[in-house]
C-alpha atoms as a PDB file:
ATOM      1  CA  UNK A   1     -75.250 -47.309 -25.955  1.00  0.00           C
ATOM      2  CA  UNK A   2     -73.635 -44.028 -26.930  1.00  0.00           C
ATOM      3  CA  UNK A   3     -71.237 -42.486 -24.376  1.00  0.00           C
ATOM      4  CA  UNK A   4     -70.071 -38.916 -24.902  1.00  0.00           C
ATOM      5  CA  UNK A   5     -68.299 -36.199 -22.943  1.00  0.00           C
ATOM      6  CA  UNK A   6     -69.736 -32.806 -21.967  1.00  0.00           C
ATOM      7  CA  UNK A   7     -67.095 -30.231 -21.094  1.00  0.00           C
ATOM      8  CA  UNK A   8     -66.282 -26.529 -21.136  1.00  0.00           C
ATOM      9  CA  UNK A   9     -64.416 -23.860 -19.224  1.00  0.00           C
ATOM     10  CA  UNK A  10     -65.472 -22.482 -15.861  1.00  0.00           C
ATOM     11  CA  UNK A  11     -68.654 -20.433 -16.168  1.00  0.00           C
ATOM     12  CA  UNK A  12     -69.501 -21.741 -19.639  1.00  0.00           C
ATOM     13  CA  UNK A  13     -72.677 -23.313 -18.289  1.00  0.00           C
ATOM     14  CA  UNK A  14     -71.976 -26.963 -19.081  1.00  0.00           C
ATOM     15  CA  UNK A  15     -73.996 -27.993 -16.019  1.00  0.00           C
ATOM     16  CA  UNK A  16     -77.066 -26.220 -17.471  1.00  0.00           C
ATOM     17  CA  UNK A  17     -76.580 -28.122 -20.741  1.00  0.00           C
ATOM     18  CA  UNK A  18     -76.160 -31.422 -18.846  1.00  0.00           C
ATOM     19  CA  UNK A  19     -79.378 -30.786 -16.895  1.00  0.00           C
ATOM     20  CA  UNK A  20     -81.289 -30.104 -20.131  1.00  0.00           C
ATOM     21  CA  UNK A  21     -79.928 -33.309 -21.681  1.00  0.00           C
ATOM     22  CA  UNK A  22     -80.854 -35.224 -18.522  1.00  0.00           C
ATOM     23  CA  UNK A  23     -84.459 -33.996 -18.802  1.00  0.00           C
ATOM     24  CA  UNK A  24     -84.473 -35.317 -22.384  1.00  0.00           C
ATOM     25  CA  UNK A  25     -83.454 -38.766 -21.155  1.00  0.00           C
ATOM     26  CA  UNK A  26     -79.639 -38.771 -21.235  1.00  0.00           C
ATOM     27  CA  UNK A  27     -78.038 -40.519 -18.249  1.00  0.00           C
ATOM     28  CA  UNK A  28     -75.577 -37.938 -16.870  1.00  0.00           C
ATOM     29  CA  UNK A  29     -72.474 -38.954 -14.925  1.00  0.00           C
ATOM     30  CA  UNK A  30     -71.187 -35.921 -13.014  1.00  0.00           C
ATOM     31  CA  UNK A  31     -67.443 -36.259 -12.399  1.00  0.00           C
ATOM     32  CA  UNK A  32     -67.539 -33.359  -9.883  1.00  0.00           C
ATOM     33  CA  UNK A  33     -69.896 -35.376  -7.679  1.00  0.00           C
ATOM     34  CA  UNK A  34     -67.682 -38.455  -8.054  1.00  0.00           C
ATOM     35  CA  UNK A  35     -64.593 -36.380  -7.183  1.00  0.00           C
ATOM     36  CA  UNK A  36     -66.229 -35.508  -3.833  1.00  0.00           C
ATOM     37  CA  UNK A  37     -67.400 -39.064  -3.137  1.00  0.00           C
ATOM     38  CA  UNK A  38     -64.030 -40.761  -3.725  1.00  0.00           C
ATOM     39  CA  UNK A  39     -62.282 -38.766  -0.963  1.00  0.00           C
ATOM     40  CA  UNK A  40     -64.567 -39.707   1.912  1.00  0.00           C
ATOM     41  CA  UNK A  41     -62.765 -40.682   5.167  1.00  0.00           C
ATOM     42  CA  UNK A  42     -60.863 -43.993   4.972  1.00  0.00           C
ATOM     43  CA  UNK A  43     -61.408 -44.287   1.207  1.00  0.00           C
ATOM     44  CA  UNK A  44     -58.557 -45.729  -0.868  1.00  0.00           C
ATOM     45  CA  UNK A  45     -58.229 -42.460  -2.758  1.00  0.00           C
ATOM     46  CA  UNK A  46     -57.970 -40.324   0.394  1.00  0.00           C
ATOM     47  CA  UNK A  47     -55.450 -42.754   1.920  1.00  0.00           C
ATOM     48  CA  UNK A  48     -53.318 -42.499  -1.213  1.00  0.00           C
ATOM     49  CA  UNK A  49     -53.511 -38.695  -1.130  1.00  0.00           C
ATOM     50  CA  UNK A  50     -52.422 -38.692   2.528  1.00  0.00           C
ATOM     51  CA  UNK A  51     -49.507 -41.046   1.701  1.00  0.00           C
ATOM     52  CA  UNK A  52     -48.309 -38.585  -0.930  1.00  0.00           C
ATOM     53  CA  UNK A  53     -49.189 -35.159   0.515  1.00  0.00           C
ATOM     54  CA  UNK A  54     -49.065 -35.909   4.261  1.00  0.00           C
ATOM     55  CA  UNK A  55     -51.507 -35.762   7.195  1.00  0.00           C
ATOM     56  CA  UNK A  56     -51.724 -31.970   7.023  1.00  0.00           C
ATOM     57  CA  UNK A  57     -54.373 -32.287   4.264  1.00  0.00           C
ATOM     58  CA  UNK A  58     -56.797 -33.787   6.807  1.00  0.00           C
ATOM     59  CA  UNK A  59     -59.145 -31.964   9.165  1.00  0.00           C
ATOM     60  CA  UNK A  60     -59.327 -33.068  12.818  1.00  0.00           C
ATOM     61  CA  UNK A  61     -62.267 -35.355  11.980  1.00  0.00           C
ATOM     62  CA  UNK A  62     -60.167 -37.094   9.267  1.00  0.00           C
ATOM     63  CA  UNK A  63     -62.115 -35.506   6.396  1.00  0.00           C
ATOM     64  CA  UNK A  64     -60.217 -33.930   3.521  1.00  0.00           C
ATOM     65  CA  UNK A  65     -59.294 -30.267   3.903  1.00  0.00           C
ATOM     66  CA  UNK A  66     -59.732 -29.260   0.250  1.00  0.00           C
ATOM     67  CA  UNK A  67     -58.234 -25.794   0.651  1.00  0.00           C
ATOM     68  CA  UNK A  68     -55.117 -27.211   2.300  1.00  0.00           C
ATOM     69  CA  UNK A  69     -54.754 -29.878  -0.394  1.00  0.00           C
ATOM     70  CA  UNK A  70     -55.187 -27.277  -3.145  1.00  0.00           C
ATOM     71  CA  UNK A  71     -52.587 -24.937  -1.620  1.00  0.00           C
ATOM     72  CA  UNK A  72     -50.028 -27.778  -1.522  1.00  0.00           C
ATOM     73  CA  UNK A  73     -50.964 -29.513  -4.788  1.00  0.00           C
ATOM     74  CA  UNK A  74     -51.031 -26.383  -6.920  1.00  0.00           C
ATOM     75  CA  UNK A  75     -47.729 -25.050  -5.536  1.00  0.00           C
ATOM     76  CA  UNK A  76     -45.717 -26.881  -8.177  1.00  0.00           C
ATOM     77  CA  UNK A  77     -46.282 -28.805 -11.378  1.00  0.00           C
ATOM     78  CA  UNK A  78     -45.099 -32.183 -10.105  1.00  0.00           C
ATOM     79  CA  UNK A  79     -47.540 -32.064  -7.178  1.00  0.00           C
ATOM     80  CA  UNK A  80     -50.396 -30.938  -9.444  1.00  0.00           C
ATOM     81  CA  UNK A  81     -49.678 -33.919 -11.705  1.00  0.00           C
ATOM     82  CA  UNK A  82     -49.566 -36.265  -8.712  1.00  0.00           C
ATOM     83  CA  UNK A  83     -52.978 -35.026  -7.568  1.00  0.00           C
ATOM     84  CA  UNK A  84     -54.412 -35.654 -11.047  1.00  0.00           C
ATOM     85  CA  UNK A  85     -52.800 -39.085 -11.364  1.00  0.00           C
ATOM     86  CA  UNK A  86     -54.145 -40.220  -8.005  1.00  0.00           C
ATOM     87  CA  UNK A  87     -57.692 -38.878  -8.311  1.00  0.00           C
ATOM     88  CA  UNK A  88     -58.296 -39.518 -12.016  1.00  0.00           C
ATOM     89  CA  UNK A  89     -57.904 -43.302 -11.812  1.00  0.00           C
ATOM     90  CA  UNK A  90     -60.517 -43.476  -9.028  1.00  0.00           C
ATOM     91  CA  UNK A  91     -62.859 -41.148 -10.937  1.00  0.00           C
ATOM     92  CA  UNK A  92     -62.480 -43.287 -14.074  1.00  0.00           C
ATOM     93  CA  UNK A  93     -63.213 -46.494 -12.121  1.00  0.00           C
ATOM     94  CA  UNK A  94     -66.478 -44.981 -10.808  1.00  0.00           C
ATOM     95  CA  UNK A  95     -67.441 -43.692 -14.277  1.00  0.00           C
ATOM     96  CA  UNK A  96     -66.866 -47.160 -15.775  1.00  0.00           C
ATOM     97  CA  UNK A  97     -68.920 -48.750 -12.975  1.00  0.00           C
ATOM     98  CA  UNK A  98     -71.772 -46.303 -13.670  1.00  0.00           C
ATOM     99  CA  UNK A  99     -71.657 -46.953 -17.445  1.00  0.00           C
ATOM    100  CA  UNK A 100     -71.716 -50.729 -16.847  1.00  0.00           C
ATOM    101  CA  UNK A 101     -74.730 -50.590 -14.531  1.00  0.00           C
ATOM    102  CA  UNK A 102     -77.029 -48.251 -16.483  1.00  0.00           C
ATOM    103  CA  UNK A 103     -79.338 -49.436 -19.225  1.00  0.00           C
ATOM    104  CA  UNK A 104     -79.639 -45.939 -20.716  1.00  0.00           C
ATOM    105  CA  UNK A 105     -79.131 -45.601 -24.478  1.00  0.00           C
ATOM    106  CA  UNK A 106     -77.325 -42.275 -24.120  1.00  0.00           C
ATOM    107  CA  UNK A 107     -74.742 -41.511 -21.437  1.00  0.00           C
ATOM    108  CA  UNK A 108     -73.146 -38.086 -20.987  1.00  0.00           C
ATOM    109  CA  UNK A 109     -70.015 -37.716 -18.857  1.00  0.00           C
ATOM    110  CA  UNK A 110     -70.003 -34.171 -17.445  1.00  0.00           C
ATOM    111  CA  UNK A 111     -66.522 -32.978 -16.498  1.00  0.00           C
ATOM    112  CA  UNK A 112     -64.360 -29.859 -16.502  1.00  0.00           C
ATOM    113  CA  UNK A 113     -61.346 -31.845 -17.693  1.00  0.00           C
ATOM    114  CA  UNK A 114     -62.293 -34.588 -20.148  1.00  0.00           C
ATOM    115  CA  UNK A 115     -60.216 -33.721 -23.220  1.00  0.00           C
ATOM    116  CA  UNK A 116     -56.813 -35.342 -22.741  1.00  0.00           C
ATOM    117  CA  UNK A 117     -57.844 -37.156 -19.541  1.00  0.00           C
ATOM    118  CA  UNK A 118     -58.097 -40.900 -18.954  1.00  0.00           C
ATOM    119  CA  UNK A 119     -61.902 -40.607 -19.265  1.00  0.00           C
ATOM    120  CA  UNK A 120     -61.756 -39.326 -22.859  1.00  0.00           C
ATOM    121  CA  UNK A 121     -61.188 -42.812 -24.389  1.00  0.00           C
ATOM    122  CA  UNK A 122     -64.566 -43.858 -22.912  1.00  0.00           C
ATOM    123  CA  UNK A 123     -66.298 -41.196 -25.039  1.00  0.00           C
ATOM    124  CA  UNK A 124     -67.339 -41.622 -28.669  1.00  0.00           C
ATOM    125  CA  UNK A 125     -67.212 -37.865 -29.082  1.00  0.00           C
ATOM    126  CA  UNK A 126     -67.019 -34.616 -27.102  1.00  0.00           C
ATOM    127  CA  UNK A 127     -69.593 -31.836 -26.737  1.00  0.00           C
ATOM    128  CA  UNK A 128     -68.073 -28.553 -25.552  1.00  0.00           C
ATOM    129  CA  UNK A 129     -70.023 -25.637 -24.119  1.00  0.00           C
ATOM    130  CA  UNK A 130     -68.630 -22.202 -24.935  1.00  0.00           C
ATOM    131  CA  UNK A 131     -69.746 -18.801 -23.666  1.00  0.00           C
ATOM    132  CA  UNK A 132     -68.520 -15.251 -24.161  1.00  0.00           C
ATOM    133  CA  UNK A 133     -66.101 -13.931 -21.548  1.00  0.00           C
ATOM    134  CA  UNK A 134     -68.525 -11.499 -19.884  1.00  0.00           C
ATOM    135  CA  UNK A 135     -71.192 -14.202 -19.409  1.00  0.00           C
ATOM    136  CA  UNK A 136     -68.562 -16.476 -17.861  1.00  0.00           C
ATOM    137  CA  UNK A 137     -67.252 -13.773 -15.506  1.00  0.00           C
ATOM    138  CA  UNK A 138     -70.791 -13.005 -14.302  1.00  0.00           C
ATOM    139  CA  UNK A 139     -71.612 -16.692 -13.719  1.00  0.00           C
ATOM    140  CA  UNK A 140     -68.357 -17.441 -11.873  1.00  0.00           C
ATOM    141  CA  UNK A 141     -68.734 -14.351  -9.654  1.00  0.00           C
ATOM    142  CA  UNK A 142     -72.306 -15.253  -8.755  1.00  0.00           C
ATOM    143  CA  UNK A 143     -71.589 -18.938  -8.187  1.00  0.00           C
ATOM    144  CA  UNK A 144     -68.335 -18.647  -6.216  1.00  0.00           C
ATOM    145  CA  UNK A 145     -68.800 -15.192  -4.663  1.00  0.00           C
ATOM    146  CA  UNK A 146     -65.486 -13.846  -5.993  1.00  0.00           C
ATOM    147  CA  UNK A 147     -64.290 -10.617  -7.630  1.00  0.00           C
ATOM    148  CA  UNK A 148     -64.059  -9.798 -11.349  1.00  0.00           C
ATOM    149  CA  UNK A 149     -60.273 -10.102 -11.135  1.00  0.00           C
ATOM    150  CA  UNK A 150     -60.417 -13.565  -9.556  1.00  0.00           C
ATOM    151  CA  UNK A 151     -62.931 -14.737 -12.157  1.00  0.00           C
ATOM    152  CA  UNK A 152     -60.771 -13.409 -15.023  1.00  0.00           C
ATOM    153  CA  UNK A 153     -57.688 -15.065 -13.508  1.00  0.00           C
ATOM    154  CA  UNK A 154     -59.528 -18.398 -13.416  1.00  0.00           C
ATOM    155  CA  UNK A 155     -60.680 -18.062 -17.039  1.00  0.00           C
ATOM    156  CA  UNK A 156     -57.182 -17.094 -18.220  1.00  0.00           C
ATOM    157  CA  UNK A 157     -55.697 -20.169 -16.515  1.00  0.00           C
ATOM    158  CA  UNK A 158     -57.929 -22.472 -18.573  1.00  0.00           C
ATOM    159  CA  UNK A 159     -58.016 -23.561 -22.203  1.00  0.00           C
ATOM    160  CA  UNK A 160     -59.387 -21.058 -24.716  1.00  0.00           C
ATOM    161  CA  UNK A 161     -62.382 -21.523 -27.039  1.00  0.00           C
ATOM    162  CA  UNK A 162     -60.146 -22.655 -29.905  1.00  0.00           C
ATOM    163  CA  UNK A 163     -58.937 -25.617 -27.858  1.00  0.00           C
ATOM    164  CA  UNK A 164     -62.517 -26.785 -27.350  1.00  0.00           C
ATOM    165  CA  UNK A 165     -63.440 -26.209 -30.999  1.00  0.00           C
ATOM    166  CA  UNK A 166     -60.450 -28.265 -32.189  1.00  0.00           C
ATOM    167  CA  UNK A 167     -61.144 -31.181 -29.831  1.00  0.00           C
ATOM    168  CA  UNK A 168     -64.936 -31.488 -29.990  1.00  0.00           C
ATOM    169  CA  UNK A 169     -67.442 -32.909 -32.433  1.00  0.00           C
ATOM    170  CA  UNK A 170     -70.174 -30.524 -31.257  1.00  0.00           C
ATOM    171  CA  UNK A 171     -70.104 -26.997 -29.831  1.00  0.00           C
ATOM    172  CA  UNK A 172     -72.991 -25.459 -27.891  1.00  0.00           C
ATOM    173  CA  UNK A 173     -72.926 -21.681 -27.419  1.00  0.00           C
ATOM    174  CA  UNK A 174     -74.369 -20.567 -24.094  1.00  0.00           C
ATOM    175  CA  UNK A 175     -74.475 -16.783 -23.985  1.00  0.00           C
ATOM    176  CA  UNK A 176     -77.583 -16.623 -21.836  1.00  0.00           C
ATOM    177  CA  UNK A 177     -80.075 -16.306 -24.682  1.00  0.00           C
ATOM    178  CA  UNK A 178     -83.185 -18.350 -25.459  1.00  0.00           C
ATOM    179  CA  UNK A 179     -81.372 -20.202 -28.240  1.00  0.00           C
ATOM    180  CA  UNK A 180     -79.738 -22.604 -25.774  1.00  0.00           C
ATOM    181  CA  UNK A 181     -82.683 -24.911 -25.222  1.00  0.00           C
ATOM    182  CA  UNK A 182     -83.419 -25.428 -28.912  1.00  0.00           C
ATOM    183  CA  UNK A 183     -79.702 -25.992 -29.589  1.00  0.00           C
ATOM    184  CA  UNK A 184     -79.590 -28.667 -26.880  1.00  0.00           C
ATOM    185  CA  UNK A 185     -82.740 -30.341 -28.225  1.00  0.00           C
ATOM    186  CA  UNK A 186     -81.185 -30.285 -31.722  1.00  0.00           C
ATOM    187  CA  UNK A 187     -78.011 -31.870 -30.373  1.00  0.00           C
ATOM    188  CA  UNK A 188     -80.016 -34.525 -28.526  1.00  0.00           C
ATOM    189  CA  UNK A 189     -81.936 -35.437 -31.677  1.00  0.00           C
ATOM    190  CA  UNK A 190     -78.691 -35.734 -33.658  1.00  0.00           C
ATOM    191  CA  UNK A 191     -77.130 -37.994 -31.052  1.00  0.00           C
ATOM    192  CA  UNK A 192     -80.295 -40.085 -30.670  1.00  0.00           C
ATOM    193  CA  UNK A 193     -80.479 -40.542 -34.422  1.00  0.00           C
ATOM    194  CA  UNK A 194     -76.774 -41.500 -34.429  1.00  0.00           C
ATOM    195  CA  UNK A 195     -76.334 -39.078 -37.308  1.00  0.00           C
ATOM    196  CA  UNK A 196     -72.819 -38.026 -36.270  1.00  0.00           C
ATOM    197  CA  UNK A 197     -71.486 -35.505 -38.732  1.00  0.00           C
END
């Protein structure tokens, strides 16, 4: 089994790349989906978040109020770190469980933050998806219904292309052209043939 990470900045289109790889037979583990599942009411993760951040992060029906949590957690660095430390260990546990129960030859872990996280050691290598700034702005605006300024602010708060290039074995460029699919197929064939170079 080969386990690898698929990452990239907001609006780079890593989800599109993951979906293409999935169609080719790669078992995709989506850490965004896991991140939503681990904070269901009465879950260990949610209880730990409440212990740290207080009851105010809960809605009346005891579900997590994500906006409230974000406004508290991102108000200072220590709280942001606490949020990561609490959620990442539960995400990793679910990822490991998924890897151990699949019989797929190729497993891709799709996540916005893999490089430098506790999930990275599970990966043999990293694939990063990079896109030009304008493509990213357009995608983020469309997806999240926000302004140009908000999209640019989000991009500027994240790692730049150089960071991904330095920390990845493979780079896929996704600038909205027809090249993407053949690039992904090429990557898949390389991984399947174990010809890591």
